[in-house]
Protein backbone atom coordinates (compact mmCIF):
# COMPACT_ATOMS: atom_id res chain seq x y z
CA MET A 1 202.99 -102.40 125.00
CA ASN A 2 202.33 -105.21 127.46
CA TRP A 3 203.45 -108.20 125.41
CA ARG A 4 202.17 -110.73 127.94
CA LYS A 5 198.63 -109.44 127.59
CA PHE A 6 198.99 -109.36 123.80
CA ILE A 7 200.11 -113.00 123.68
CA VAL A 8 197.26 -114.10 125.96
CA VAL A 9 194.66 -112.33 123.80
CA VAL A 10 196.04 -113.87 120.61
CA ALA A 11 196.15 -117.32 122.21
CA LEU A 12 192.54 -117.03 123.34
CA GLY A 13 191.49 -115.88 119.89
CA LEU A 14 193.19 -118.83 118.23
CA SER A 15 192.16 -121.50 120.71
CA SER A 16 188.74 -121.93 119.10
CA THR A 17 190.40 -122.96 115.84
CA PHE A 18 192.35 -125.90 117.32
CA THR A 19 189.99 -128.54 116.02
CA TYR A 20 191.90 -131.61 114.95
CA ALA A 21 192.41 -135.26 115.75
CA GLN A 22 194.92 -134.20 118.42
CA SER A 23 192.38 -132.18 120.40
CA ASN A 24 192.09 -133.33 124.03
CA LEU A 25 195.48 -135.00 123.55
CA LEU A 26 196.92 -133.78 126.86
CA ASN A 27 193.76 -134.49 128.88
CA ALA A 28 192.90 -137.95 127.54
CA LYS A 29 193.23 -140.83 129.99
CA THR A 30 192.84 -143.51 127.33
CA PRO A 31 193.74 -143.40 123.61
CA ASP A 32 190.10 -143.55 122.51
CA GLN A 33 189.47 -140.18 124.22
CA ILE A 34 191.93 -138.39 121.93
CA GLY A 35 190.14 -136.16 119.47
CA LYS A 36 186.79 -136.31 121.27
CA LYS A 37 185.05 -133.25 122.67
CA THR A 38 182.18 -132.82 125.05
CA ASP A 39 178.79 -131.66 123.78
CA ALA A 40 179.32 -128.34 125.56
CA GLU A 41 182.62 -127.80 123.74
CA LEU A 42 181.04 -128.56 120.38
CA VAL A 43 178.19 -126.11 121.00
CA ALA A 44 180.56 -123.39 122.21
CA GLU A 45 182.83 -123.84 119.22
CA ASN A 46 180.16 -123.38 116.53
CA ASP A 47 182.90 -123.83 113.97
CA MET A 48 181.61 -123.04 110.47
CA PRO A 49 183.31 -121.91 107.27
CA LEU A 50 183.60 -118.18 106.79
CA PRO A 51 180.64 -117.24 104.55
CA TYR A 52 181.22 -115.55 101.22
CA GLY A 53 180.06 -111.97 100.91
CA TYR A 54 177.33 -111.14 98.41
CA VAL A 55 178.68 -109.64 95.19
CA MET A 56 176.34 -107.78 92.86
CA ASP A 57 176.92 -108.31 89.15
CA ARG A 58 177.21 -104.58 88.52
CA ASP A 59 180.05 -104.35 91.05
CA ILE A 60 182.24 -106.67 88.95
CA LEU A 61 184.35 -104.40 86.78
CA MET A 62 186.33 -107.29 85.29
CA GLY A 63 185.82 -111.05 85.50
CA LYS A 64 187.76 -113.97 84.08
CA ARG A 65 187.27 -117.71 84.56
CA VAL A 66 190.45 -119.79 84.56
CA TRP A 67 191.24 -123.48 84.89
CA GLU A 68 194.38 -124.60 86.74
CA ILE A 69 196.11 -127.90 87.36
CA ILE A 70 197.70 -128.58 90.77
CA ASP A 71 200.61 -130.99 90.45
CA LEU A 72 200.83 -133.10 93.62
CA ASP A 73 204.53 -133.81 93.01
CA GLU A 74 205.30 -130.22 94.09
CA ARG A 75 206.20 -129.90 97.75
CA VAL A 76 203.90 -126.93 98.35
CA ASN A 77 200.94 -129.11 97.28
CA PHE A 78 201.76 -132.04 99.59
CA PRO A 79 199.00 -131.14 102.14
CA LEU A 80 196.45 -132.03 99.46
CA TYR A 81 198.06 -135.43 98.81
CA TYR A 82 199.30 -136.80 102.14
CA PRO A 83 198.79 -138.89 104.16
CA VAL A 84 198.07 -141.87 101.93
CA GLU A 85 198.40 -144.39 104.77
CA LYS A 86 195.19 -145.74 106.31
CA ASN A 87 196.28 -146.11 109.96
CA LEU A 88 196.82 -142.51 111.06
CA GLY A 89 193.41 -141.96 112.63
CA PRO A 90 190.01 -140.95 111.28
CA ASP A 91 190.92 -137.26 110.91
CA ARG A 92 194.22 -137.69 109.10
CA LYS A 93 192.99 -138.06 105.53
CA PRO A 94 194.07 -136.78 102.13
CA LEU A 95 191.69 -134.54 100.24
CA TYR A 96 190.76 -137.39 97.88
CA ASP A 97 189.49 -139.60 100.72
CA VAL A 98 187.55 -136.67 102.21
CA LEU A 99 185.75 -136.02 98.92
CA LYS A 100 185.12 -139.70 98.18
CA LYS A 101 183.68 -140.45 101.64
CA ALA A 102 181.49 -137.33 101.61
CA ILE A 103 180.05 -138.28 98.21
CA ARG A 104 179.32 -141.84 99.37
CA ASP A 105 177.67 -140.51 102.54
CA SER A 106 175.60 -138.01 100.48
CA LEU A 107 177.20 -135.07 102.31
CA ILE A 108 178.33 -133.73 98.95
CA THR A 109 175.65 -134.02 96.29
CA GLU A 110 176.72 -131.38 93.77
CA VAL A 111 178.97 -133.67 91.72
CA TYR A 112 179.24 -133.19 87.97
CA ASP A 113 180.78 -134.66 84.86
CA ASP A 114 182.49 -131.48 83.64
CA SER A 115 183.79 -128.14 84.86
CA TYR A 116 180.73 -126.28 83.56
CA PHE A 117 178.49 -128.17 86.03
CA THR A 118 175.85 -129.04 83.46
CA THR A 119 175.56 -132.84 83.83
CA LYS A 120 175.35 -134.45 87.25
CA LYS A 121 177.37 -137.57 87.97
CA THR A 122 175.79 -140.29 90.06
CA LEU A 123 177.54 -142.40 92.67
CA LYS A 124 177.19 -145.41 90.37
CA ASP A 125 179.00 -143.56 87.59
CA ILE A 126 181.81 -142.63 89.97
CA GLU A 127 182.14 -146.18 91.29
CA GLN A 128 182.59 -147.46 87.73
CA SER A 129 185.59 -145.14 87.39
CA LEU A 130 187.03 -146.28 90.72
CA PHE A 131 186.88 -150.05 90.36
CA ALA A 132 187.92 -152.62 87.79
CA ILE A 133 187.15 -156.31 88.29
CA ASP A 134 188.98 -158.97 86.34
CA THR A 135 188.74 -162.75 86.38
CA THR A 136 191.73 -165.07 86.16
CA ASP A 137 191.90 -168.10 83.87
CA GLY A 138 190.97 -170.33 86.81
CA GLY A 139 187.86 -168.25 87.39
CA ARG A 140 186.85 -168.49 83.73
CA GLU A 141 187.20 -172.25 83.86
CA GLN A 142 185.01 -172.34 86.94
CA MET A 143 182.49 -170.12 85.17
CA ASN A 144 182.38 -172.30 82.06
CA GLU A 145 181.69 -175.46 84.06
CA ASP A 146 178.07 -174.37 84.36
CA TYR A 147 177.69 -171.12 82.45
CA ASP A 148 173.88 -171.10 82.55
CA ALA A 149 173.90 -171.35 86.35
CA TYR A 150 176.44 -168.51 86.49
CA LEU A 151 174.25 -166.27 84.35
CA ALA A 152 171.23 -167.10 86.49
CA GLY A 153 173.17 -166.14 89.62
CA GLU A 154 172.99 -169.62 91.07
CA LYS A 155 176.73 -170.14 90.90
CA LYS A 156 179.50 -167.79 91.97
CA ILE A 157 183.22 -167.69 91.27
CA ASP A 158 185.57 -168.17 94.20
CA GLU A 159 187.06 -164.88 95.42
CA GLN A 160 190.59 -166.16 94.90
CA TYR A 161 189.97 -166.02 91.14
CA ILE A 162 188.70 -162.41 91.17
CA ILE A 163 191.15 -159.50 90.95
CA LYS A 164 189.74 -156.19 92.11
CA THR A 165 191.59 -152.96 91.31
CA GLU A 166 190.61 -149.73 93.08
CA ILE A 167 191.82 -146.18 92.61
CA GLU A 168 193.24 -145.12 95.98
CA ALA A 169 194.57 -141.78 97.23
CA ASP A 170 198.18 -142.60 96.35
CA LEU A 171 197.21 -142.78 92.65
CA VAL A 172 195.90 -139.21 92.48
CA LYS A 173 198.44 -137.37 90.35
CA SER A 174 196.93 -133.89 90.38
CA TYR A 175 193.81 -131.81 90.91
CA LYS A 176 192.12 -129.54 88.43
CA VAL A 177 190.39 -126.45 89.75
CA VAL A 178 188.24 -123.85 88.08
CA GLY A 179 187.83 -120.42 89.60
CA TYR A 180 186.78 -116.88 88.88
CA TRP A 181 189.05 -113.85 89.18
CA TYR A 182 187.10 -110.61 89.46
CA PHE A 183 187.74 -106.98 90.29
CA ASP A 184 185.29 -105.66 92.86
CA LYS A 185 184.93 -101.96 92.07
CA ARG A 186 183.07 -101.32 95.33
CA GLN A 187 186.03 -102.49 97.40
CA GLY A 188 188.66 -101.65 94.79
CA GLU A 189 190.50 -104.98 94.81
CA LEU A 190 191.06 -108.13 92.82
CA LYS A 191 189.51 -111.27 94.33
CA TYR A 192 189.31 -114.96 93.59
CA ARG A 193 186.40 -117.35 94.06
CA MET A 194 186.92 -121.09 93.58
CA LEU A 195 184.08 -122.80 91.72
CA GLY A 196 185.06 -126.43 91.35
CA ILE A 197 187.70 -129.07 92.01
CA CYS A 198 188.41 -132.39 90.31
CA PRO A 199 190.84 -135.22 91.15
CA VAL A 200 192.85 -136.51 88.19
CA VAL A 201 193.59 -140.25 88.35
CA PRO A 202 194.71 -143.06 86.02
CA ASP A 203 192.06 -144.75 83.89
CA VAL A 204 191.26 -147.79 86.04
CA GLN A 205 190.54 -150.03 83.03
CA ILE A 206 194.03 -149.34 81.66
CA TYR A 207 195.76 -149.21 85.04
CA LYS A 208 194.72 -152.75 86.00
CA ASP A 209 196.73 -154.10 83.07
CA ASN A 210 199.44 -151.42 82.97
CA PRO A 211 200.22 -149.75 86.33
CA ASP A 212 202.74 -147.44 84.61
CA THR A 213 200.15 -145.89 82.31
CA ASP A 214 200.09 -142.15 81.69
CA GLU A 215 196.43 -142.17 80.65
CA MET A 216 194.72 -139.82 83.12
CA VAL A 217 191.03 -139.04 83.46
CA GLU A 218 188.95 -136.48 85.34
CA LEU A 219 187.19 -138.49 88.02
CA PHE A 220 184.44 -136.01 88.94
CA TRP A 221 183.93 -132.29 89.39
CA VAL A 222 182.70 -131.09 92.79
CA TYR A 223 180.96 -127.72 92.94
CA PHE A 224 183.16 -126.11 95.57
CA PRO A 225 180.70 -123.71 97.31
CA ALA A 226 178.40 -126.67 98.08
CA ALA A 227 181.27 -128.68 99.61
CA ARG A 228 182.73 -125.99 101.86
CA GLU A 229 181.16 -127.22 105.09
CA VAL A 230 182.58 -130.73 104.59
CA LEU A 231 185.99 -129.39 103.62
CA HIS A 232 186.02 -127.05 106.61
CA LYS A 233 185.62 -129.95 109.02
CA ALA A 234 188.44 -131.92 107.37
CA LYS A 235 191.91 -130.77 108.34
CA ALA A 236 195.16 -130.70 106.40
CA PHE A 237 198.48 -131.12 108.16
CA ASN A 238 200.32 -127.96 109.18
CA ASN A 239 204.04 -128.70 109.10
CA ARG A 240 204.89 -125.68 111.24
CA ASN A 241 202.40 -126.31 114.01
CA SER A 242 200.50 -129.60 114.25
CA ALA A 243 198.28 -128.12 117.00
CA MET A 244 196.83 -125.63 114.52
CA PRO A 245 196.01 -127.35 111.22
CA PHE A 246 194.46 -125.78 108.16
CA SER A 247 191.06 -126.84 106.98
CA PHE A 248 190.89 -127.86 103.33
CA ASP A 249 188.37 -125.07 102.84
CA HIS A 250 190.84 -122.48 104.13
CA LEU A 251 193.75 -124.04 102.24
CA LEU A 252 191.94 -123.82 98.90
CA ASN A 253 190.22 -120.48 99.45
CA ALA A 254 193.49 -118.88 100.55
CA ARG A 255 195.22 -120.41 97.51
CA ARG A 256 197.89 -122.11 99.60
CA PHE A 257 198.85 -124.19 96.59
CA ASN A 258 200.68 -123.77 93.33
CA GLY A 259 198.61 -124.14 90.18
CA VAL A 260 199.40 -123.76 86.49
CA ILE A 261 196.72 -122.23 84.27
CA TYR A 262 195.87 -124.52 81.37
CA ILE A 263 192.68 -122.82 80.12
CA GLU A 264 191.69 -119.18 80.05
CA GLU A 265 188.09 -118.28 79.27
CA ASN A 266 188.25 -117.26 75.61
CA VAL A 267 186.27 -116.79 72.43
CA TYR A 268 187.61 -120.03 70.91
CA ALA A 269 185.26 -122.24 72.96
CA ASP A 270 187.67 -122.07 75.90
CA ARG A 271 190.47 -123.85 74.06
CA GLN A 272 193.41 -125.09 76.10
CA ILE A 273 196.82 -123.45 76.03
CA LYS A 274 198.40 -126.62 74.66
CA GLU A 275 196.09 -126.39 71.63
CA TYR A 276 197.74 -123.20 70.38
CA MET A 277 201.17 -123.68 72.01
CA LYS A 278 201.76 -127.14 70.61
CA GLU A 279 204.67 -129.46 71.43
CA ASN A 280 206.51 -126.86 73.48
CA ALA A 281 206.13 -127.30 77.23
CA GLN A 282 208.27 -124.28 78.06
CA MET A 283 206.15 -121.96 75.92
CA GLN A 284 203.02 -123.40 77.52
CA LEU A 285 204.35 -122.51 80.98
CA LEU A 286 205.30 -119.03 79.80
CA GLU A 287 201.84 -118.55 78.32
CA SER A 288 200.31 -119.67 81.61
CA GLU A 289 202.37 -117.06 83.45
CA ARG A 290 201.39 -114.41 80.89
CA VAL A 291 197.69 -115.09 81.54
CA LYS A 292 198.29 -114.93 85.29
CA GLU A 293 200.18 -111.63 85.04
CA LYS A 294 197.52 -110.15 82.75
CA ILE A 295 194.89 -110.75 85.41
CA ARG A 296 197.10 -109.36 88.19
CA ASP A 297 198.08 -106.29 86.16
CA PHE A 298 194.43 -105.29 85.78
CA GLU A 299 194.33 -104.42 89.48
CA GLN A 300 197.56 -102.43 89.25
CA ASP A 301 196.31 -100.52 86.22
CA MET A 302 193.30 -99.31 88.20
CA TRP A 303 195.52 -97.03 90.27
CA ASN A 304 197.12 -93.86 88.89
CA TYR A 305 199.50 -91.63 90.79
């Protein structure tokens, strides 16, 4: 085999995927040209997420919905968390900032209050969970000097007396995801389809008074198939090769993360594992692994030799 030709072909096949903030890095004459592409390059690239194939209901031999929690303290999950700094360029963003900006810009509109996607959550509702505004004693004194004028909007408190707390990317402790494992009898294999993702953050009303709080809340649930185009354009850092990053869409679809199952679709109104494995974290982890192995074993049991 001619290895030189093989390497050239592979390089050409991969070159179209090198879309990142460092594109045009070696050709830029000024720093502001880094990451910019010509209109011709953008048209030629036509970079879109890989579409899902159509699956008929009668082709699903087995299906099971599961909920998982992705702990961002685990090293394998770091690409979803970092970077939390704000000065690394417009394309170096954590997943939280990508989702938040896309929701504010109305690029992601399928945002819900729960993992069943029944009640939509408005931007105003989300903002209330992101911000907490408190007034110092000096501000209250200034308010009480002419309370009627303050209520009428004719008088404002000086900004130095207002404390504003915002939930930033560094406060995201984990993500919750819901997905569907199914066995496609037409293709004879077990597959996974992610349905939703949710950042888990401290309760801002408690956090402003107690930064060490363990009270966590689900911020919002994004319907994943409707957010794929946005997540495909946003890139996660590839530690092995910074010239070829992963898109968040690829990272999540390929399950390049470690998640622990905390709910399995069940007859008891989808009760959580911790509700029947109480006060025993080790048994909860073992039960999570049992559920995972049960789903995997279904595919193995389909084959007889």
